[in-house]
Amino acid sequence: LVQATASALLLFSSMSNAWATGQWDITQLTHSTSCLLLTIAIAMKLGLVPFHFWFPEVLQGSSMTTALLLSTMIKFPPITILYLTSHSLNPTLLTTMAITSTALGGWMGLNQTQI
């Protein structure tokens, strides 16, 4: 459900940019609302803070192979979109989310009892 919501936000970001600027190119985002929606969608897809609550629950109930695929291969498309649109997005927000995700992930990993 979270991934479907993130996909819908990604499409809505592209549509709102096309509506505001007349361009369908997602790599040329110039509308601030579109940039914010794209940042939220990518954060949800990657499981970054503050959109990380779904990821540990899914991994906990998965087999090792499924967890491996969810943790690695499924992350490549959102990272590719992030790379293609990085010049349009707010670098301070992305850096803050990355540092917070790393710190919170390490701290929560210390409390992990099921390995």
N, C-alpha and C. Protein backbone atom coordinates (compact mmCIF):
# COMPACT_ATOMS: atom_id res chain seq x y z
N LEU A 1 0.83 -1.19 0.00
CA LEU A 1 0.00 0.00 0.00
C LEU A 1 0.88 1.26 0.00
N VAL A 2 1.97 1.23 0.75
CA VAL A 2 2.87 2.39 0.79
C VAL A 2 3.55 2.58 -0.56
N GLN A 3 3.95 1.48 -1.19
CA GLN A 3 4.60 1.58 -2.49
C GLN A 3 3.65 2.10 -3.56
N ALA A 4 2.39 1.69 -3.49
CA ALA A 4 1.39 2.18 -4.44
C ALA A 4 1.14 3.68 -4.24
N THR A 5 1.11 4.11 -2.99
CA THR A 5 0.94 5.54 -2.70
C THR A 5 2.14 6.34 -3.22
N ALA A 6 3.33 5.80 -3.04
CA ALA A 6 4.53 6.47 -3.53
C ALA A 6 4.52 6.55 -5.06
N SER A 7 4.08 5.49 -5.72
CA SER A 7 3.99 5.52 -7.18
C SER A 7 2.97 6.55 -7.65
N ALA A 8 1.85 6.64 -6.95
CA ALA A 8 0.84 7.64 -7.29
C ALA A 8 1.39 9.05 -7.09
N LEU A 9 2.16 9.27 -6.02
CA LEU A 9 2.77 10.58 -5.80
C LEU A 9 3.79 10.92 -6.89
N LEU A 10 4.52 9.90 -7.34
CA LEU A 10 5.49 10.11 -8.41
C LEU A 10 4.78 10.55 -9.69
N LEU A 11 3.69 9.88 -10.03
CA LEU A 11 2.92 10.27 -11.21
C LEU A 11 2.29 11.65 -11.04
N PHE A 12 1.78 11.91 -9.85
CA PHE A 12 1.16 13.21 -9.59
C PHE A 12 2.20 14.33 -9.66
N SER A 13 3.42 14.05 -9.24
CA SER A 13 4.50 15.02 -9.34
C SER A 13 4.77 15.38 -10.80
N SER A 14 4.83 14.36 -11.64
CA SER A 14 5.06 14.58 -13.07
C SER A 14 3.89 15.34 -13.70
N MET A 15 2.67 14.97 -13.31
CA MET A 15 1.49 15.64 -13.87
C MET A 15 1.40 17.09 -13.42
N SER A 16 1.70 17.35 -12.15
CA SER A 16 1.62 18.74 -11.68
C SER A 16 2.70 19.61 -12.32
N ASN A 17 3.86 19.02 -12.59
CA ASN A 17 4.90 19.77 -13.30
C ASN A 17 4.48 20.05 -14.73
N ALA A 18 3.87 19.06 -15.38
CA ALA A 18 3.39 19.27 -16.75
C ALA A 18 2.28 20.31 -16.79
N TRP A 19 1.44 20.30 -15.80
CA TRP A 19 0.34 21.26 -15.74
C TRP A 19 0.88 22.68 -15.53
N ALA A 20 1.90 22.82 -14.69
CA ALA A 20 2.43 24.15 -14.38
C ALA A 20 3.36 24.69 -15.47
N THR A 21 4.12 23.79 -16.10
CA THR A 21 5.15 24.26 -17.05
C THR A 21 4.90 23.85 -18.49
N GLY A 22 4.06 22.84 -18.71
CA GLY A 22 3.83 22.36 -20.07
C GLY A 22 4.85 21.35 -20.53
N GLN A 23 5.75 20.90 -19.66
CA GLN A 23 6.78 19.91 -20.01
C GLN A 23 6.50 18.60 -19.29
N TRP A 24 6.60 17.50 -20.02
CA TRP A 24 6.40 16.19 -19.42
C TRP A 24 7.71 15.54 -18.99
N ASP A 25 8.81 16.22 -19.17
CA ASP A 25 10.12 15.67 -18.83
C ASP A 25 10.34 15.73 -17.32
N ILE A 26 10.44 14.55 -16.70
CA ILE A 26 10.58 14.51 -15.24
C ILE A 26 11.96 14.96 -14.79
N THR A 27 12.93 14.94 -15.70
CA THR A 27 14.27 15.38 -15.31
C THR A 27 14.39 16.90 -15.30
N GLN A 28 13.39 17.61 -15.78
CA GLN A 28 13.41 19.08 -15.81
C GLN A 28 12.32 19.65 -14.91
N LEU A 29 12.30 19.26 -13.65
CA LEU A 29 11.30 19.76 -12.72
C LEU A 29 11.64 21.19 -12.33
N THR A 30 10.70 22.09 -12.54
CA THR A 30 10.91 23.48 -12.16
C THR A 30 9.86 23.98 -11.18
N HIS A 31 8.78 23.26 -11.04
CA HIS A 31 7.70 23.65 -10.14
C HIS A 31 8.03 23.13 -8.74
N SER A 32 7.97 23.99 -7.73
CA SER A 32 8.40 23.60 -6.37
C SER A 32 7.52 22.51 -5.77
N THR A 33 6.22 22.54 -6.04
CA THR A 33 5.33 21.49 -5.53
C THR A 33 5.69 20.14 -6.13
N SER A 34 6.01 20.12 -7.41
CA SER A 34 6.41 18.88 -8.07
C SER A 34 7.70 18.33 -7.46
N CYS A 35 8.64 19.21 -7.17
CA CYS A 35 9.90 18.77 -6.55
C CYS A 35 9.67 18.18 -5.17
N LEU A 36 8.80 18.80 -4.39
CA LEU A 36 8.50 18.29 -3.06
C LEU A 36 7.78 16.95 -3.12
N LEU A 37 6.81 16.82 -4.03
CA LEU A 37 6.10 15.54 -4.18
C LEU A 37 7.05 14.44 -4.64
N LEU A 38 7.96 14.76 -5.53
CA LEU A 38 8.93 13.77 -5.99
C LEU A 38 9.86 13.35 -4.85
N THR A 39 10.29 14.29 -4.04
CA THR A 39 11.14 13.97 -2.89
C THR A 39 10.41 13.05 -1.91
N ILE A 40 9.16 13.33 -1.64
CA ILE A 40 8.36 12.49 -0.74
C ILE A 40 8.18 11.10 -1.33
N ALA A 41 7.89 11.02 -2.64
CA ALA A 41 7.69 9.72 -3.28
C ALA A 41 8.96 8.87 -3.23
N ILE A 42 10.10 9.48 -3.51
CA ILE A 42 11.36 8.74 -3.48
C ILE A 42 11.69 8.31 -2.05
N ALA A 43 11.44 9.18 -1.09
CA ALA A 43 11.69 8.82 0.31
C ALA A 43 10.81 7.67 0.75
N MET A 44 9.57 7.64 0.29
CA MET A 44 8.68 6.53 0.64
C MET A 44 9.16 5.24 -0.02
N LYS A 45 9.57 5.32 -1.27
CA LYS A 45 10.03 4.12 -1.97
C LYS A 45 11.32 3.57 -1.38
N LEU A 46 12.20 4.46 -0.94
CA LEU A 46 13.47 4.01 -0.36
C LEU A 46 13.37 3.67 1.12
N GLY A 47 12.28 4.04 1.75
CA GLY A 47 12.12 3.78 3.18
C GLY A 47 12.96 4.71 4.03
N LEU A 48 13.12 5.97 3.60
CA LEU A 48 13.90 6.95 4.35
C LEU A 48 13.05 7.56 5.46
N VAL A 49 13.74 8.07 6.47
CA VAL A 49 13.05 8.79 7.55
C VAL A 49 12.43 10.04 6.94
N PRO A 50 11.24 10.40 7.23
CA PRO A 50 10.27 9.89 8.19
C PRO A 50 9.28 8.90 7.59
N PHE A 51 9.57 8.35 6.42
CA PHE A 51 8.67 7.40 5.76
C PHE A 51 9.20 5.97 5.85
N HIS A 52 9.82 5.63 6.96
CA HIS A 52 10.51 4.35 7.10
C HIS A 52 9.70 3.30 7.86
N PHE A 53 8.56 3.63 8.39
CA PHE A 53 7.86 2.74 9.31
C PHE A 53 7.41 1.43 8.65
N TRP A 54 7.16 1.43 7.36
CA TRP A 54 6.69 0.22 6.70
C TRP A 54 7.83 -0.78 6.46
N PHE A 55 9.05 -0.30 6.31
CA PHE A 55 10.14 -1.16 5.85
C PHE A 55 10.55 -2.25 6.85
N PRO A 56 10.78 -1.95 8.13
CA PRO A 56 11.14 -3.02 9.07
C PRO A 56 10.04 -4.07 9.23
N GLU A 57 8.79 -3.64 9.19
CA GLU A 57 7.68 -4.59 9.33
C GLU A 57 7.64 -5.56 8.16
N VAL A 58 7.88 -5.06 6.96
CA VAL A 58 7.87 -5.92 5.78
C VAL A 58 9.05 -6.88 5.82
N LEU A 59 10.22 -6.39 6.19
CA LEU A 59 11.40 -7.25 6.24
C LEU A 59 11.28 -8.32 7.32
N GLN A 60 10.66 -7.99 8.43
CA GLN A 60 10.53 -8.94 9.52
C GLN A 60 9.66 -10.13 9.13
N GLY A 61 8.64 -9.90 8.33
CA GLY A 61 7.75 -10.98 7.93
C GLY A 61 8.15 -11.67 6.65
N SER A 62 9.33 -11.39 6.11
CA SER A 62 9.75 -11.94 4.82
C SER A 62 10.82 -13.00 5.00
N SER A 63 10.94 -13.84 3.98
CA SER A 63 12.04 -14.80 3.96
C SER A 63 13.34 -14.07 3.65
N MET A 64 14.46 -14.76 3.79
CA MET A 64 15.76 -14.13 3.57
C MET A 64 15.92 -13.67 2.12
N THR A 65 15.45 -14.47 1.16
CA THR A 65 15.57 -14.10 -0.25
C THR A 65 14.72 -12.88 -0.57
N THR A 66 13.50 -12.87 -0.07
CA THR A 66 12.61 -11.73 -0.31
C THR A 66 13.16 -10.47 0.35
N ALA A 67 13.68 -10.59 1.56
CA ALA A 67 14.25 -9.44 2.26
C ALA A 67 15.47 -8.91 1.50
N LEU A 68 16.28 -9.82 0.94
CA LEU A 68 17.44 -9.40 0.15
C LEU A 68 17.01 -8.61 -1.08
N LEU A 69 15.99 -9.11 -1.78
CA LEU A 69 15.50 -8.39 -2.96
C LEU A 69 14.89 -7.04 -2.59
N LEU A 70 14.14 -6.99 -1.50
CA LEU A 70 13.53 -5.73 -1.07
C LEU A 70 14.57 -4.72 -0.62
N SER A 71 15.66 -5.19 -0.07
CA SER A 71 16.69 -4.29 0.44
C SER A 71 17.67 -3.82 -0.62
N THR A 72 17.73 -4.51 -1.76
CA THR A 72 18.73 -4.16 -2.77
C THR A 72 18.11 -3.85 -4.13
N MET A 73 17.62 -4.85 -4.81
CA MET A 73 17.19 -4.70 -6.20
C MET A 73 16.02 -3.73 -6.37
N ILE A 74 15.10 -3.74 -5.45
CA ILE A 74 13.92 -2.88 -5.55
C ILE A 74 14.29 -1.41 -5.35
N LYS A 75 15.45 -1.13 -4.80
CA LYS A 75 15.87 0.25 -4.54
C LYS A 75 16.52 0.91 -5.75
N PHE A 76 16.90 0.14 -6.77
CA PHE A 76 17.58 0.73 -7.93
C PHE A 76 16.73 1.71 -8.73
N PRO A 77 15.46 1.41 -9.06
CA PRO A 77 14.67 2.40 -9.81
C PRO A 77 14.48 3.74 -9.08
N PRO A 78 14.14 3.76 -7.78
CA PRO A 78 14.03 5.07 -7.13
C PRO A 78 15.36 5.82 -7.05
N ILE A 79 16.46 5.09 -6.87
CA ILE A 79 17.76 5.75 -6.83
C ILE A 79 18.11 6.31 -8.21
N THR A 80 17.71 5.62 -9.27
CA THR A 80 17.94 6.13 -10.63
C THR A 80 17.14 7.41 -10.86
N ILE A 81 15.88 7.42 -10.43
CA ILE A 81 15.07 8.64 -10.56
C ILE A 81 15.68 9.77 -9.72
N LEU A 82 16.16 9.43 -8.54
CA LEU A 82 16.82 10.44 -7.70
C LEU A 82 18.05 11.01 -8.39
N TYR A 83 18.83 10.15 -9.02
CA TYR A 83 20.02 10.60 -9.74
C TYR A 83 19.66 11.50 -10.92
N LEU A 84 18.62 11.12 -11.67
CA LEU A 84 18.23 11.90 -12.85
C LEU A 84 17.64 13.26 -12.49
N THR A 85 17.03 13.36 -11.32
CA THR A 85 16.36 14.60 -10.93
C THR A 85 17.07 15.33 -9.80
N SER A 86 18.27 14.92 -9.46
CA SER A 86 18.95 15.49 -8.29
C SER A 86 19.22 16.99 -8.41
N HIS A 87 19.41 17.48 -9.62
CA HIS A 87 19.66 18.92 -9.79
C HIS A 87 18.41 19.76 -9.51
N SER A 88 17.22 19.14 -9.55
CA SER A 88 15.97 19.87 -9.31
C SER A 88 15.53 19.83 -7.86
N LEU A 89 16.04 18.88 -7.10
CA LEU A 89 15.56 18.66 -5.74
C LEU A 89 16.38 19.46 -4.73
N ASN A 90 15.83 19.64 -3.55
CA ASN A 90 16.46 20.41 -2.49
C ASN A 90 17.59 19.60 -1.85
N PRO A 91 18.85 19.98 -2.02
CA PRO A 91 19.95 19.18 -1.48
C PRO A 91 19.99 19.17 0.05
N THR A 92 19.54 20.24 0.69
CA THR A 92 19.54 20.27 2.15
C THR A 92 18.55 19.26 2.71
N LEU A 93 17.38 19.17 2.10
CA LEU A 93 16.37 18.21 2.54
C LEU A 93 16.84 16.78 2.31
N LEU A 94 17.44 16.51 1.15
CA LEU A 94 17.94 15.17 0.87
C LEU A 94 19.06 14.77 1.82
N THR A 95 19.97 15.70 2.11
CA THR A 95 21.07 15.42 3.03
C THR A 95 20.56 15.17 4.43
N THR A 96 19.60 15.97 4.87
CA THR A 96 19.02 15.79 6.20
C THR A 96 18.34 14.44 6.32
N MET A 97 17.57 14.06 5.29
CA MET A 97 16.90 12.75 5.32
C MET A 97 17.91 11.61 5.30
N ALA A 98 18.99 11.75 4.54
CA ALA A 98 20.01 10.70 4.48
C ALA A 98 20.73 10.54 5.81
N ILE A 99 21.13 11.63 6.42
CA ILE A 99 21.84 11.55 7.70
C ILE A 99 20.93 11.02 8.80
N THR A 100 19.69 11.50 8.82
CA THR A 100 18.74 11.03 9.82
C THR A 100 18.44 9.55 9.64
N SER A 101 18.29 9.10 8.40
CA SER A 101 18.02 7.69 8.14
C SER A 101 19.19 6.81 8.57
N THR A 102 20.40 7.26 8.30
CA THR A 102 21.58 6.50 8.70
C THR A 102 21.69 6.43 10.21
N ALA A 103 21.51 7.54 10.88
CA ALA A 103 21.63 7.57 12.35
C ALA A 103 20.52 6.75 13.00
N LEU A 104 19.29 6.94 12.56
CA LEU A 104 18.17 6.21 13.14
C LEU A 104 18.26 4.71 12.84
N GLY A 105 18.70 4.37 11.62
CA GLY A 105 18.87 2.97 11.27
C GLY A 105 19.92 2.28 12.12
N GLY A 106 21.04 2.95 12.36
CA GLY A 106 22.07 2.38 13.23
C GLY A 106 21.61 2.24 14.66
N TRP A 107 20.91 3.25 15.15
CA TRP A 107 20.41 3.22 16.53
C TRP A 107 19.36 2.13 16.70
N MET A 108 18.46 2.00 15.74
CA MET A 108 17.43 0.96 15.83
C MET A 108 18.03 -0.43 15.63
N GLY A 109 19.12 -0.51 14.86
CA GLY A 109 19.79 -1.78 14.68
C GLY A 109 20.41 -2.31 15.96
N LEU A 110 20.80 -1.41 16.85
CA LEU A 110 21.34 -1.83 18.15
C LEU A 110 20.28 -2.50 19.01
N ASN A 111 19.03 -2.14 18.82
CA ASN A 111 17.94 -2.71 19.60
C ASN A 111 17.32 -3.94 18.95
N GLN A 112 17.84 -4.36 17.80
CA GLN A 112 17.26 -5.49 17.07
C GLN A 112 17.53 -6.80 17.81
N THR A 113 16.49 -7.59 18.00
CA THR A 113 16.65 -8.87 18.69
C THR A 113 16.47 -10.05 17.75
N GLN A 114 15.85 -9.85 16.59
CA GLN A 114 15.64 -10.94 15.64
C GLN A 114 16.59 -10.75 14.47
N ILE A 115 17.54 -11.67 14.35
CA ILE A 115 18.51 -11.57 13.26
C ILE A 115 18.34 -12.75 12.34
